[in-house]
Amino acid sequence: MIKGLKVSLIGFLGCSLLLSACGGINGGPDGGDLGGAADTKQVLDITAAAEPSSLDPSKAVDTVAFDVLNNVNEGLFRLDRDNRPEEAIASRMEISADKKVYTFVLRDAKWSDGKPVTAKDFEYSWKRTLNPKTASEYSYILYVIKNAKDYNLGKKSEKEVGIKAIDDKTLRVELEEPSPFFQGLTAFPVFFPQRKDVVEKFGNQYATEPDRMVTNGPYTLSKWQHEQQMTLKKSKTYWDRSGVKLTTANMYIIKDTATGVNLYNTGKTDMTQLDSALSDAFKKSPEFTPYTGAISQYVVFNTDKKFFSNTKIRKAISYAIDRDTLAKLLKDGSKPATAFVPPTITGTDNESFRKHASQGQLYNPTEAKRLLKEGMKEEGIISKPKLSLLSYDDYRKQAAIFIQDQLKTLLGIDIVVNPQPMKQKTDKESKGEFELSLAGWGADYNDPMTFLDTMLSDTSFNYGDWKNKEYDSLIEKSQINPNFKERVEDMTKAEEIMLEDAAIAPVLYGGKIYLQKQYVKDVIRHPVGAELSLKWAYLDGKSK
């Protein structure tokens, strides 16, 4: 246990308990009524850790945005209660004999303004994401589609992309090669439809307010007080609205976990997230709800900076992080990570990818000191620079503080933790305005590729600008390789290359702990893709 951090956590715990004892704050974060235990209607009150970066399906990049989009919009498929893809806007799917052509037949579905959802809305949306002018960070996820990559890179025209609305009810999609995960991909928010007339009407303001967007999912976004609250209302036009029980879901943006727990304890919210300071206090409660997803947390090195252009220096920092102690300290279900792809992700054989892959980077203080000394000598660096560690401004900054202490204690490197709101953090990362960044990645679908392709040289999420030709070759081959066994072998080799070169420093396989009232039923948390599904949620026996 780190002395300084222990004091911080004790103070944090005391603050939280004091808030509960004093009865907390009055009303919602915006001064309004949070509902609370006296409300017997189907109104769910929950907390969210951050403001969404964007609710534009072509530009959203964070978990909160995907959670909102997953409940106000819907794709051809959605993940069901058992995390399997089920028909959503698509009523039927046909696959060609060579498994390269998918034909989706749409059901009768409507947008929130009453207009029909058509195959053209899907074609427009996917091609908009691929359009180089859109500058979508997630455009690469569509590269499985024929000519999608070449269009995104300006090498082919939009007409050559394998996405075609045959008529209003039929969408034909041609892939580069057979894909083991394409059906599941269509449930991911980037594959949701968009209306061309609405996008063009609002331009840069599209999806920035409830009245600047249309939706086609179980709920509509009726209220968005930025950095404070989002309110979802049951859609009046959703095709399966008879199966939606909640009338309202209020999402309060609460970055401070102690405040969130206080609201929960005083009956003003029904669900909230815990962190390490309060995990033990609620561990025996029936409302203690652990979540295991497919999440990696890791340190990104900006390799364009001289200090981090050296592999030995990057390895030194990785070897200096005691992941076991950090996981025990956080008490949030996280596990120590020595590699990139989490153990919850399976390969083609339905076994954990980690079963056959490299062990990865371990805690080794002696080796860390040796490598730092050698790396600095190779670069002609005499004194250790003072560095900045970009971090989230929510509960995750606790891990950043731990890393700060480790690097100072073991390597004598001074680190300044720079916590930023989600939108500002991703903006800085995309512009390369950082030295170190504590980042996280959750699986978009159940396949190692959802992690490994983010480190390709030309991928927008490769914020550290790490490049390796052999890695690129293995991953690009695996993206279209119909030999699934060989594909897994190549992805294993690629991850080994990335870890040996210390492109990143894996830290944790992320877990989460929620508090959830026992009267809250059928809230589904998916391990891949968007985490939160409220389509089937309802309240049963909430006291008056």
Protein backbone atom coordinates (compact mmCIF):
# COMPACT_ATOMS: atom_id res chain seq x y z
CA MET A 1 0.00 0.00 0.00
CA ILE A 2 1.37 3.43 -0.89
CA LYS A 3 1.42 5.72 2.10
CA GLY A 4 0.19 8.85 0.38
CA LEU A 5 -2.55 7.03 -1.48
CA LYS A 6 -3.75 5.27 1.67
CA VAL A 7 -4.31 8.62 3.37
CA SER A 8 -6.16 9.88 0.32
CA LEU A 9 -8.51 6.89 0.24
CA ILE A 10 -9.23 7.10 3.98
CA GLY A 11 -10.17 10.73 3.56
CA PHE A 12 -12.33 9.86 0.57
CA LEU A 13 -14.16 7.17 2.57
CA GLY A 14 -14.73 9.51 5.49
CA CYS A 15 -16.17 12.15 3.19
CA SER A 16 -18.58 9.65 1.67
CA LEU A 17 -19.81 8.36 5.02
CA LEU A 18 -20.21 11.89 6.27
CA LEU A 19 -22.35 12.76 3.26
CA SER A 20 -24.64 9.80 3.97
CA ALA A 21 -24.89 10.57 7.68
CA CYS A 22 -25.84 14.17 7.01
CA GLY A 23 -28.58 13.21 4.56
CA GLY A 24 -26.70 14.33 1.47
CA ILE A 25 -27.81 16.97 -0.99
CA ASN A 26 -31.36 18.01 -1.80
CA GLY A 27 -32.83 17.07 -5.16
CA GLY A 28 -30.90 16.23 -8.31
CA PRO A 29 -27.55 17.55 -9.41
CA ASP A 30 -29.40 20.26 -11.32
CA GLY A 31 -31.55 21.19 -8.31
CA GLY A 32 -34.52 19.20 -9.61
CA ASP A 33 -36.37 16.18 -8.26
CA LEU A 34 -34.48 12.91 -8.60
CA GLY A 35 -37.58 10.79 -8.16
CA GLY A 36 -36.40 8.54 -5.31
CA ALA A 37 -37.92 5.66 -3.41
CA ALA A 38 -41.34 7.27 -3.11
CA ASP A 39 -41.85 7.06 -6.87
CA THR A 40 -43.82 3.94 -7.80
CA LYS A 41 -43.83 4.66 -11.54
CA GLN A 42 -41.50 2.94 -13.99
CA VAL A 43 -38.84 5.64 -13.60
CA LEU A 44 -35.24 4.50 -13.26
CA ASP A 45 -32.62 6.87 -11.82
CA ILE A 46 -28.96 6.04 -12.43
CA THR A 47 -25.60 7.76 -12.48
CA ALA A 48 -23.15 8.09 -15.37
CA ALA A 49 -19.44 8.72 -14.85
CA ALA A 50 -18.97 11.28 -17.62
CA GLU A 51 -20.54 13.49 -20.25
CA PRO A 52 -20.72 11.71 -23.63
CA SER A 53 -18.09 12.86 -26.09
CA SER A 54 -20.71 12.86 -28.89
CA LEU A 55 -24.02 11.20 -29.73
CA ASP A 56 -23.25 11.22 -33.44
CA PRO A 57 -22.85 7.50 -34.31
CA SER A 58 -20.05 8.39 -36.71
CA LYS A 59 -18.09 10.34 -34.09
CA ALA A 60 -18.86 8.80 -30.68
CA VAL A 61 -15.84 7.11 -29.09
CA ASP A 62 -16.53 6.58 -25.37
CA THR A 63 -18.46 4.12 -23.23
CA VAL A 64 -21.04 6.60 -21.91
CA ALA A 65 -21.88 7.74 -25.44
CA PHE A 66 -22.27 4.14 -26.59
CA ASP A 67 -24.50 3.35 -23.60
CA VAL A 68 -26.83 6.23 -24.48
CA LEU A 69 -26.80 5.42 -28.20
CA ASN A 70 -27.55 1.77 -27.48
CA ASN A 71 -30.78 2.76 -25.75
CA VAL A 72 -32.03 5.53 -28.03
CA ASN A 73 -31.00 3.87 -31.30
CA GLU A 74 -30.93 0.40 -32.78
CA GLY A 75 -29.03 -1.41 -35.51
CA LEU A 76 -29.80 -4.36 -37.73
CA PHE A 77 -29.08 -6.62 -34.75
CA ARG A 78 -28.77 -6.01 -31.02
CA LEU A 79 -27.25 -8.12 -28.24
CA ASP A 80 -29.93 -10.02 -26.34
CA ARG A 81 -30.13 -10.82 -22.61
CA ASP A 82 -27.56 -13.60 -23.13
CA ASN A 83 -25.21 -11.40 -25.17
CA ARG A 84 -26.02 -13.10 -28.45
CA PRO A 85 -26.90 -11.09 -31.59
CA GLU A 86 -30.66 -11.11 -32.25
CA GLU A 87 -32.71 -9.52 -35.03
CA ALA A 88 -33.56 -5.88 -34.34
CA ILE A 89 -34.30 -3.55 -37.27
CA ALA A 90 -33.50 -6.53 -39.48
CA SER A 91 -36.29 -9.09 -39.49
CA ARG A 92 -34.26 -11.56 -41.53
CA MET A 93 -30.69 -12.13 -42.67
CA GLU A 94 -29.39 -14.27 -45.52
CA ILE A 95 -25.71 -15.21 -46.02
CA SER A 96 -24.28 -16.35 -49.35
CA ALA A 97 -22.63 -19.75 -49.76
CA ASP A 98 -19.16 -18.18 -49.75
CA LYS A 99 -20.08 -16.23 -46.55
CA LYS A 100 -19.07 -12.94 -48.12
CA VAL A 101 -22.47 -11.43 -48.96
CA TYR A 102 -25.05 -10.56 -46.29
CA THR A 103 -28.58 -9.56 -47.24
CA PHE A 104 -30.68 -7.92 -44.52
CA VAL A 105 -34.45 -7.56 -44.83
CA LEU A 106 -35.77 -4.73 -42.65
CA ARG A 107 -38.93 -4.87 -40.57
CA ASP A 108 -41.45 -2.02 -40.39
CA ALA A 109 -39.70 0.40 -38.08
CA LYS A 110 -39.96 4.15 -37.55
CA TRP A 111 -37.83 7.04 -36.47
CA SER A 112 -38.89 9.15 -33.50
CA ASP A 113 -40.52 11.67 -35.88
CA GLY A 114 -42.67 8.93 -37.43
CA LYS A 115 -40.78 8.51 -40.70
CA PRO A 116 -39.85 4.96 -41.75
CA VAL A 117 -36.39 3.52 -41.14
CA THR A 118 -35.05 2.40 -44.52
CA ALA A 119 -32.09 0.47 -45.88
CA LYS A 120 -30.86 3.77 -47.32
CA ASP A 121 -30.45 5.09 -43.76
CA PHE A 122 -27.98 2.29 -43.06
CA GLU A 123 -26.15 2.75 -46.34
CA TYR A 124 -25.88 6.50 -45.75
CA SER A 125 -24.72 6.08 -42.15
CA TRP A 126 -21.99 3.55 -42.83
CA LYS A 127 -20.67 5.43 -45.86
CA ARG A 128 -20.75 8.69 -43.90
CA THR A 129 -18.53 7.08 -41.25
CA LEU A 130 -16.15 5.94 -44.00
CA ASN A 131 -16.14 9.28 -45.80
CA PRO A 132 -12.68 10.82 -45.24
CA LYS A 133 -14.32 14.23 -44.70
CA THR A 134 -16.19 12.91 -41.65
CA ALA A 135 -12.85 12.09 -39.97
CA SER A 136 -14.44 9.33 -37.93
CA GLU A 137 -12.04 7.73 -35.47
CA TYR A 138 -14.05 4.52 -35.79
CA SER A 139 -14.02 4.29 -39.58
CA TYR A 140 -11.58 1.37 -39.50
CA ILE A 141 -14.17 -0.89 -37.83
CA LEU A 142 -15.99 -1.01 -41.20
CA TYR A 143 -12.90 -2.20 -43.09
CA VAL A 144 -14.24 -5.75 -43.10
CA ILE A 145 -16.61 -4.49 -45.85
CA LYS A 146 -15.41 -4.67 -49.45
CA ASN A 147 -13.44 -1.57 -50.55
CA ALA A 148 -14.31 0.24 -47.30
CA LYS A 149 -10.69 0.84 -46.37
CA ASP A 150 -9.71 2.06 -49.83
CA TYR A 151 -12.63 4.51 -49.84
CA ASN A 152 -11.73 5.78 -46.38
CA LEU A 153 -8.14 6.31 -47.53
CA GLY A 154 -9.23 8.08 -50.72
CA LYS A 155 -8.17 5.29 -53.06
CA LYS A 156 -11.63 4.27 -54.30
CA SER A 157 -15.01 5.91 -54.75
CA GLU A 158 -18.05 5.64 -52.52
CA LYS A 159 -19.89 3.69 -55.22
CA GLU A 160 -17.29 0.91 -55.04
CA VAL A 161 -17.95 0.21 -51.35
CA GLY A 162 -19.82 -3.05 -50.75
CA ILE A 163 -22.87 -1.43 -49.12
CA LYS A 164 -26.04 -1.10 -51.19
CA ALA A 165 -29.69 -0.41 -50.41
CA ILE A 166 -31.48 -2.56 -53.00
CA ASP A 167 -34.79 -0.97 -51.99
CA ASP A 168 -36.26 0.56 -48.84
CA LYS A 169 -36.42 -2.80 -47.09
CA THR A 170 -33.32 -4.59 -48.38
CA LEU A 171 -29.66 -3.92 -47.55
CA ARG A 172 -26.90 -5.88 -49.31
CA VAL A 173 -23.41 -5.94 -47.76
CA GLU A 174 -20.39 -7.55 -49.40
CA LEU A 175 -17.33 -8.34 -47.27
CA GLU A 176 -13.69 -8.53 -48.29
CA GLU A 177 -13.53 -12.08 -46.90
CA PRO A 178 -15.69 -14.20 -44.57
CA SER A 179 -15.76 -12.73 -41.07
CA PRO A 180 -16.43 -14.64 -37.82
CA PHE A 181 -17.75 -11.51 -36.11
CA PHE A 182 -19.61 -9.40 -38.69
CA GLN A 183 -23.12 -10.27 -37.49
CA GLY A 184 -22.22 -9.13 -33.97
CA LEU A 185 -20.63 -5.96 -35.36
CA THR A 186 -24.01 -4.79 -36.67
CA ALA A 187 -25.17 -4.42 -33.05
CA PHE A 188 -22.41 -1.88 -32.31
CA PRO A 189 -23.43 1.83 -32.28
CA VAL A 190 -21.13 2.78 -35.18
CA PHE A 191 -23.37 0.57 -37.36
CA PHE A 192 -26.60 2.32 -36.36
CA PRO A 193 -28.61 4.09 -39.11
CA GLN A 194 -28.63 7.86 -39.65
CA ARG A 195 -31.04 10.06 -41.57
CA LYS A 196 -29.35 12.06 -44.30
CA ASP A 197 -31.87 14.92 -44.16
CA VAL A 198 -31.37 15.38 -40.41
CA VAL A 199 -27.57 15.19 -40.57
CA GLU A 200 -27.42 17.73 -43.37
CA LYS A 201 -29.96 20.04 -41.73
CA PHE A 202 -27.92 20.47 -38.54
CA GLY A 203 -24.40 20.05 -39.90
CA ASN A 204 -21.80 20.41 -37.12
CA GLN A 205 -24.62 20.74 -34.58
CA TYR A 206 -26.06 17.33 -35.45
CA ALA A 207 -26.77 15.21 -32.35
CA THR A 208 -25.58 17.90 -29.95
CA GLU A 209 -29.06 18.44 -28.49
CA PRO A 210 -32.24 16.32 -28.31
CA ASP A 211 -33.98 18.44 -30.95
CA ARG A 212 -31.05 18.09 -33.37
CA MET A 213 -31.35 14.36 -33.89
CA VAL A 214 -33.86 11.60 -34.56
CA THR A 215 -33.66 8.15 -33.00
CA ASN A 216 -35.11 4.71 -33.72
CA GLY A 217 -34.53 2.79 -30.47
CA PRO A 218 -36.53 1.86 -27.36
CA TYR A 219 -36.11 5.35 -25.91
CA THR A 220 -35.80 8.93 -27.07
CA LEU A 221 -33.48 11.55 -25.62
CA SER A 222 -35.91 14.10 -24.18
CA LYS A 223 -33.50 16.14 -22.05
CA TRP A 224 -29.77 16.82 -22.09
CA GLN A 225 -28.35 19.26 -19.58
CA HIS A 226 -24.70 19.06 -20.48
CA GLU A 227 -22.39 17.83 -17.72
CA GLN A 228 -25.46 17.34 -15.51
CA GLN A 229 -28.25 15.08 -16.76
CA MET A 230 -29.73 13.10 -19.65
CA THR A 231 -33.33 11.91 -19.61
CA LEU A 232 -34.53 9.04 -21.76
CA LYS A 233 -38.26 8.57 -22.41
CA LYS A 234 -39.98 5.48 -23.75
CA SER A 235 -40.33 5.87 -27.51
CA LYS A 236 -43.82 6.18 -28.95
CA THR A 237 -42.67 4.95 -32.36
CA TYR A 238 -40.31 2.04 -31.53
CA TRP A 239 -41.34 -1.17 -33.32
CA ASP A 240 -41.14 -3.27 -30.12
CA ARG A 241 -42.44 -0.65 -27.67
CA SER A 242 -44.88 -3.13 -26.09
CA GLY A 243 -41.84 -4.89 -24.61
CA VAL A 244 -40.40 -1.71 -23.07
CA LYS A 245 -41.58 -1.25 -19.47
CA LEU A 246 -39.71 1.80 -18.22
CA THR A 247 -41.35 5.14 -18.98
CA THR A 248 -38.27 7.18 -18.04
CA ALA A 249 -34.58 6.65 -17.35
CA ASN A 250 -32.74 9.57 -15.78
CA MET A 251 -28.95 9.49 -16.14
CA TYR A 252 -27.18 11.89 -13.79
CA ILE A 253 -23.58 12.77 -14.64
CA ILE A 254 -21.78 12.23 -11.34
CA LYS A 255 -18.00 12.04 -11.59
CA ASP A 256 -17.43 11.85 -7.84
CA THR A 257 -18.21 8.34 -6.60
CA ALA A 258 -18.87 9.52 -3.02
CA THR A 259 -21.62 11.82 -4.28
CA GLY A 260 -23.07 9.00 -6.35
CA VAL A 261 -23.17 6.66 -3.35
CA ASN A 262 -24.75 9.38 -1.24
CA LEU A 263 -27.53 9.82 -3.78
CA TYR A 264 -28.01 6.06 -3.82
CA ASN A 265 -28.08 5.74 -0.02
CA THR A 266 -30.66 8.49 0.30
CA GLY A 267 -32.97 6.82 -2.23
CA LYS A 268 -32.48 9.35 -4.99
CA THR A 269 -30.95 6.93 -7.46
CA ASP A 270 -31.48 3.22 -8.08
CA MET A 271 -28.05 2.37 -9.49
CA THR A 272 -24.56 3.82 -9.11
CA GLN A 273 -20.95 2.77 -9.53
CA LEU A 274 -18.61 2.00 -6.63
CA ASP A 275 -14.88 2.43 -6.37
CA SER A 276 -12.19 1.10 -4.05
CA ALA A 277 -12.93 3.46 -1.16
CA LEU A 278 -16.38 2.00 -0.59
CA SER A 279 -16.15 -1.48 -2.07
CA ASP A 280 -15.55 -3.27 1.26
CA ALA A 281 -18.36 -1.41 2.98
CA PHE A 282 -20.94 -2.85 0.55
CA LYS A 283 -19.33 -6.20 -0.30
CA LYS A 284 -21.83 -8.25 1.73
CA SER A 285 -24.85 -6.28 0.56
CA PRO A 286 -27.29 -8.02 -1.82
CA GLU A 287 -27.15 -4.80 -3.84
CA PHE A 288 -23.42 -5.29 -4.54
CA THR A 289 -23.29 -6.03 -8.29
CA PRO A 290 -19.91 -6.88 -9.88
CA TYR A 291 -19.45 -6.58 -13.64
CA THR A 292 -16.81 -8.40 -15.66
CA GLY A 293 -16.42 -7.11 -19.16
CA ALA A 294 -13.69 -7.22 -21.76
CA ILE A 295 -11.78 -4.08 -20.83
CA SER A 296 -8.09 -3.25 -20.94
CA GLN A 297 -6.53 -0.30 -19.15
CA TYR A 298 -3.01 0.66 -20.16
CA VAL A 299 -0.46 3.45 -20.38
CA VAL A 300 0.04 4.95 -23.84
CA PHE A 301 3.50 6.33 -24.68
CA ASN A 302 3.72 9.22 -27.12
CA THR A 303 6.51 7.76 -29.25
CA ASP A 304 6.90 11.08 -31.09
CA LYS A 305 8.51 12.42 -27.91
CA LYS A 306 12.26 11.68 -27.75
CA PHE A 307 12.10 10.11 -24.28
CA PHE A 308 9.50 7.55 -25.39
CA SER A 309 10.97 6.82 -28.79
CA ASN A 310 13.27 4.38 -27.00
CA THR A 311 11.94 0.85 -26.44
CA LYS A 312 14.03 0.28 -23.31
CA ILE A 313 12.61 3.38 -21.62
CA ARG A 314 9.07 2.29 -22.43
CA LYS A 315 9.79 -1.19 -21.05
CA ALA A 316 11.31 0.34 -17.91
CA ILE A 317 8.10 2.18 -17.13
CA SER A 318 6.02 -0.93 -17.77
CA TYR A 319 8.22 -3.09 -15.53
CA ALA A 320 7.95 -0.48 -12.75
CA ILE A 321 4.17 -0.85 -12.39
CA ASP A 322 3.08 -3.28 -9.67
CA ARG A 323 -0.20 -4.38 -11.20
CA ASP A 324 -1.04 -6.91 -8.46
CA THR A 325 -0.91 -4.28 -5.72
CA LEU A 326 -2.92 -1.83 -7.81
CA ALA A 327 -5.69 -4.38 -8.47
CA LYS A 328 -5.89 -5.22 -4.76
CA LEU A 329 -5.99 -1.53 -3.90
CA LEU A 330 -8.81 -0.70 -6.29
CA LYS A 331 -11.12 -3.51 -5.10
CA ASP A 332 -13.38 -2.96 -8.13
CA GLY A 333 -13.06 -6.37 -9.74
CA SER A 334 -10.09 -5.36 -11.89
CA LYS A 335 -7.34 -7.93 -12.51
CA PRO A 336 -3.63 -7.38 -13.18
CA ALA A 337 -2.93 -7.12 -16.91
CA THR A 338 0.37 -8.08 -18.50
CA ALA A 339 -0.95 -8.13 -22.07
CA PHE A 340 -3.45 -6.25 -24.22
CA VAL A 341 -6.28 -8.67 -25.06
CA PRO A 342 -8.33 -9.59 -21.95
CA PRO A 343 -8.95 -13.24 -20.97
CA THR A 344 -12.69 -12.80 -21.56
CA ILE A 345 -12.06 -12.53 -25.32
CA THR A 346 -12.15 -15.82 -27.20
CA GLY A 347 -10.41 -16.96 -30.36
CA THR A 348 -12.01 -18.91 -33.16
CA ASP A 349 -11.91 -22.10 -31.08
CA ASN A 350 -14.10 -20.48 -28.37
CA GLU A 351 -11.22 -20.71 -25.89
CA SER A 352 -9.73 -17.66 -24.22
CA PHE A 353 -7.23 -15.95 -26.50
CA ARG A 354 -4.92 -15.69 -23.51
CA LYS A 355 -4.71 -19.48 -23.22
CA HIS A 356 -2.33 -19.62 -26.18
CA ALA A 357 -0.93 -16.06 -26.19
CA SER A 358 2.14 -14.54 -24.54
CA GLN A 359 2.34 -13.90 -20.80
CA GLY A 360 3.41 -10.34 -21.55
CA GLN A 361 4.97 -7.65 -19.36
CA LEU A 362 5.63 -8.34 -15.66
CA TYR A 363 6.56 -6.26 -12.61
CA ASN A 364 10.35 -6.23 -12.36
CA PRO A 365 11.84 -3.22 -10.51
CA THR A 366 15.47 -4.34 -10.98
CA GLU A 367 15.05 -4.73 -14.74
CA ALA A 368 13.13 -1.45 -14.88
CA LYS A 369 16.05 0.48 -13.38
CA ARG A 370 18.58 -1.19 -15.66
CA LEU A 371 16.55 -0.55 -18.82
CA LEU A 372 15.88 3.08 -17.91
CA LYS A 373 19.61 3.71 -17.45
CA GLU A 374 20.51 2.00 -20.74
CA GLY A 375 17.70 3.68 -22.67
CA MET A 376 18.63 7.16 -21.49
CA LYS A 377 22.29 6.51 -22.39
CA GLU A 378 21.29 5.41 -25.90
CA GLU A 379 19.32 8.62 -26.42
CA GLY A 380 21.96 10.87 -24.85
CA ILE A 381 19.55 11.94 -22.11
CA ILE A 382 21.44 12.94 -18.96
CA SER A 383 18.64 13.89 -16.54
CA LYS A 384 15.18 12.40 -16.15
CA PRO A 385 12.51 14.74 -17.47
CA LYS A 386 9.43 15.77 -15.51
CA LEU A 387 6.50 14.08 -17.24
CA SER A 388 2.75 14.55 -17.46
CA LEU A 389 0.30 11.64 -17.22
CA LEU A 390 -3.03 12.36 -18.89
CA SER A 391 -5.92 10.74 -17.01
CA TYR A 392 -9.70 10.60 -16.77
CA ASP A 393 -11.17 13.00 -14.22
CA ASP A 394 -13.44 10.34 -12.69
CA TYR A 395 -12.83 7.32 -10.44
CA ARG A 396 -10.12 6.05 -12.80
CA LYS A 397 -7.66 8.73 -11.76
CA GLN A 398 -6.91 6.63 -8.65
CA ALA A 399 -4.89 4.29 -10.87
CA ALA A 400 -3.03 7.28 -12.33
CA ILE A 401 -2.06 8.44 -8.82
CA PHE A 402 -0.75 4.94 -8.07
CA ILE A 403 1.38 4.93 -11.23
CA GLN A 404 2.65 8.42 -10.40
CA ASP A 405 3.89 7.18 -7.01
CA GLN A 406 5.43 4.00 -8.47
CA LEU A 407 7.48 5.81 -11.09
CA LYS A 408 8.73 8.35 -8.54
CA THR A 409 9.60 5.71 -5.94
CA LEU A 410 11.21 3.11 -8.21
CA LEU A 411 12.63 5.16 -11.08
CA GLY A 412 12.95 8.65 -9.63
CA ILE A 413 10.74 10.11 -12.38
CA ASP A 414 8.52 13.03 -11.40
CA ILE A 415 5.01 12.67 -12.83
CA VAL A 416 2.24 15.24 -12.87
CA VAL A 417 -1.23 13.69 -13.17
CA ASN A 418 -3.40 15.70 -15.55
CA PRO A 419 -7.06 14.60 -15.12
CA GLN A 420 -9.36 15.74 -17.92
CA PRO A 421 -13.07 15.28 -18.78
CA MET A 422 -13.68 12.56 -21.36
CA LYS A 423 -14.14 14.86 -24.36
CA GLN A 424 -11.06 16.97 -23.60
CA LYS A 425 -8.95 13.88 -22.87
CA THR A 426 -9.74 12.17 -26.17
CA ASP A 427 -9.21 15.45 -28.00
CA LYS A 428 -5.73 15.83 -26.53
CA GLU A 429 -4.90 12.20 -27.32
CA SER A 430 -6.04 12.48 -30.93
CA LYS A 431 -3.89 15.61 -31.39
CA GLY A 432 -0.86 14.02 -29.74
CA GLU A 433 -0.88 16.62 -26.96
CA PHE A 434 0.41 14.33 -24.21
CA GLU A 435 3.48 12.44 -23.01
CA LEU A 436 1.85 9.57 -21.12
CA SER A 437 -1.84 8.75 -21.05
CA LEU A 438 -3.75 6.26 -18.93
CA ALA A 439 -6.23 4.91 -21.46
CA GLY A 440 -8.84 2.19 -21.64
CA TRP A 441 -10.40 0.08 -24.36
CA GLY A 442 -13.54 -2.02 -24.14
CA ALA A 443 -14.31 -4.72 -26.68
CA ASP A 444 -16.65 -3.70 -29.49
CA TYR A 445 -17.22 -7.38 -30.33
CA ASN A 446 -15.94 -10.76 -29.14
CA ASP A 447 -12.74 -11.20 -31.11
CA PRO A 448 -9.06 -10.29 -30.42
CA MET A 449 -9.17 -8.01 -33.45
CA THR A 450 -11.30 -5.48 -31.57
CA PHE A 451 -8.17 -4.69 -29.52
CA LEU A 452 -5.32 -5.44 -31.89
CA ASP A 453 -6.44 -3.36 -34.87
CA THR A 454 -6.39 -0.20 -32.72
CA MET A 455 -2.57 -0.39 -32.81
CA LEU A 456 -2.18 -0.41 -36.58
CA SER A 457 0.07 2.37 -37.86
CA ASP A 458 -2.73 4.17 -39.70
CA THR A 459 -5.50 3.68 -37.11
CA SER A 460 -6.89 6.81 -35.47
CA PHE A 461 -6.91 5.22 -32.01
CA ASN A 462 -3.15 4.58 -32.14
CA TYR A 463 -2.64 7.76 -30.14
CA GLY A 464 0.99 6.94 -29.28
CA ASP A 465 1.87 6.80 -33.00
CA TRP A 466 3.70 3.49 -32.54
CA LYS A 467 4.59 1.83 -35.84
CA ASN A 468 5.77 -1.66 -36.74
CA LYS A 469 5.59 -3.05 -40.29
CA GLU A 470 5.54 -6.70 -39.24
CA TYR A 471 2.70 -6.01 -36.81
CA ASP A 472 0.74 -4.19 -39.50
CA SER A 473 1.24 -7.04 -41.95
CA LEU A 474 0.02 -9.70 -39.50
CA ILE A 475 -3.06 -7.74 -38.45
CA GLU A 476 -4.03 -6.69 -41.97
CA LYS A 477 -3.72 -10.31 -43.08
CA SER A 478 -5.87 -11.43 -40.12
CA GLN A 479 -8.59 -8.91 -40.96
CA ILE A 480 -9.41 -10.80 -44.14
CA ASN A 481 -7.97 -14.28 -43.58
CA PRO A 482 -10.66 -16.97 -44.13
CA ASN A 483 -8.41 -19.55 -42.41
CA PHE A 484 -9.56 -18.86 -38.85
CA LYS A 485 -6.96 -21.09 -37.15
CA GLU A 486 -4.09 -19.39 -38.95
CA ARG A 487 -5.72 -16.05 -38.21
CA VAL A 488 -5.55 -16.62 -34.43
CA GLU A 489 -1.91 -17.72 -34.71
CA ASP A 490 -1.04 -14.51 -36.57
CA MET A 491 -2.87 -12.34 -34.04
CA THR A 492 -0.94 -14.08 -31.25
CA LYS A 493 2.36 -13.27 -33.01
CA ALA A 494 1.26 -9.66 -33.52
CA GLU A 495 0.43 -9.12 -29.86
CA GLU A 496 3.83 -10.59 -28.89
CA ILE A 497 5.54 -8.07 -31.18
CA MET A 498 3.58 -5.20 -29.68
CA LEU A 499 4.38 -6.25 -26.10
CA GLU A 500 8.06 -6.94 -26.82
CA ASP A 501 8.37 -3.44 -28.31
CA ALA A 502 6.41 -1.97 -25.37
CA ALA A 503 4.00 -0.10 -27.62
CA ILE A 504 1.87 0.25 -24.48
CA ALA A 505 2.19 -0.72 -20.83
CA PRO A 506 -0.79 -2.94 -19.92
CA VAL A 507 -2.03 -2.20 -16.41
CA LEU A 508 -5.43 -3.77 -15.65
CA TYR A 509 -8.18 -5.88 -17.09
CA GLY A 510 -10.94 -3.60 -15.95
CA GLY A 511 -13.81 -4.60 -13.73
CA LYS A 512 -16.62 -2.55 -12.28
CA ILE A 513 -18.74 -2.70 -9.15
CA TYR A 514 -22.26 -1.31 -9.12
CA LEU A 515 -24.83 -0.81 -6.40
CA GLN A 516 -28.26 -1.75 -7.72
CA LYS A 517 -31.53 -1.78 -5.79
CA GLN A 518 -33.10 -5.22 -5.63
CA TYR A 519 -36.34 -3.95 -7.15
CA VAL A 520 -34.44 -3.08 -10.36
CA LYS A 521 -34.85 -5.99 -12.77
CA ASP A 522 -33.42 -7.02 -16.14
CA VAL A 523 -30.84 -4.30 -16.54
CA ILE A 524 -28.41 -6.01 -18.92
CA ARG A 525 -24.69 -5.25 -18.89
CA HIS A 526 -22.95 -6.71 -21.93
CA PRO A 527 -19.28 -7.76 -21.79
CA VAL A 528 -18.68 -6.51 -25.37
CA GLY A 529 -20.01 -3.60 -27.40
CA ALA A 530 -22.15 -1.02 -25.63
CA GLU A 531 -22.36 -2.10 -22.00
CA LEU A 532 -25.82 -0.94 -20.91
CA SER A 533 -29.17 -2.18 -22.25
CA LEU A 534 -32.35 -0.84 -20.65
CA LYS A 535 -34.75 -2.24 -23.24
CA TRP A 536 -35.97 -5.01 -20.90
CA ALA A 537 -35.49 -3.18 -17.57
CA TYR A 538 -38.32 -2.61 -15.09
CA LEU A 539 -38.96 -1.83 -11.42
CA ASP A 540 -40.70 -4.47 -9.30
CA GLY A 541 -41.86 -3.65 -5.78
CA LYS A 542 -40.23 -0.27 -5.33
CA SER A 543 -41.56 0.94 -1.96
CA LYS A 544 -43.82 3.94 -1.65
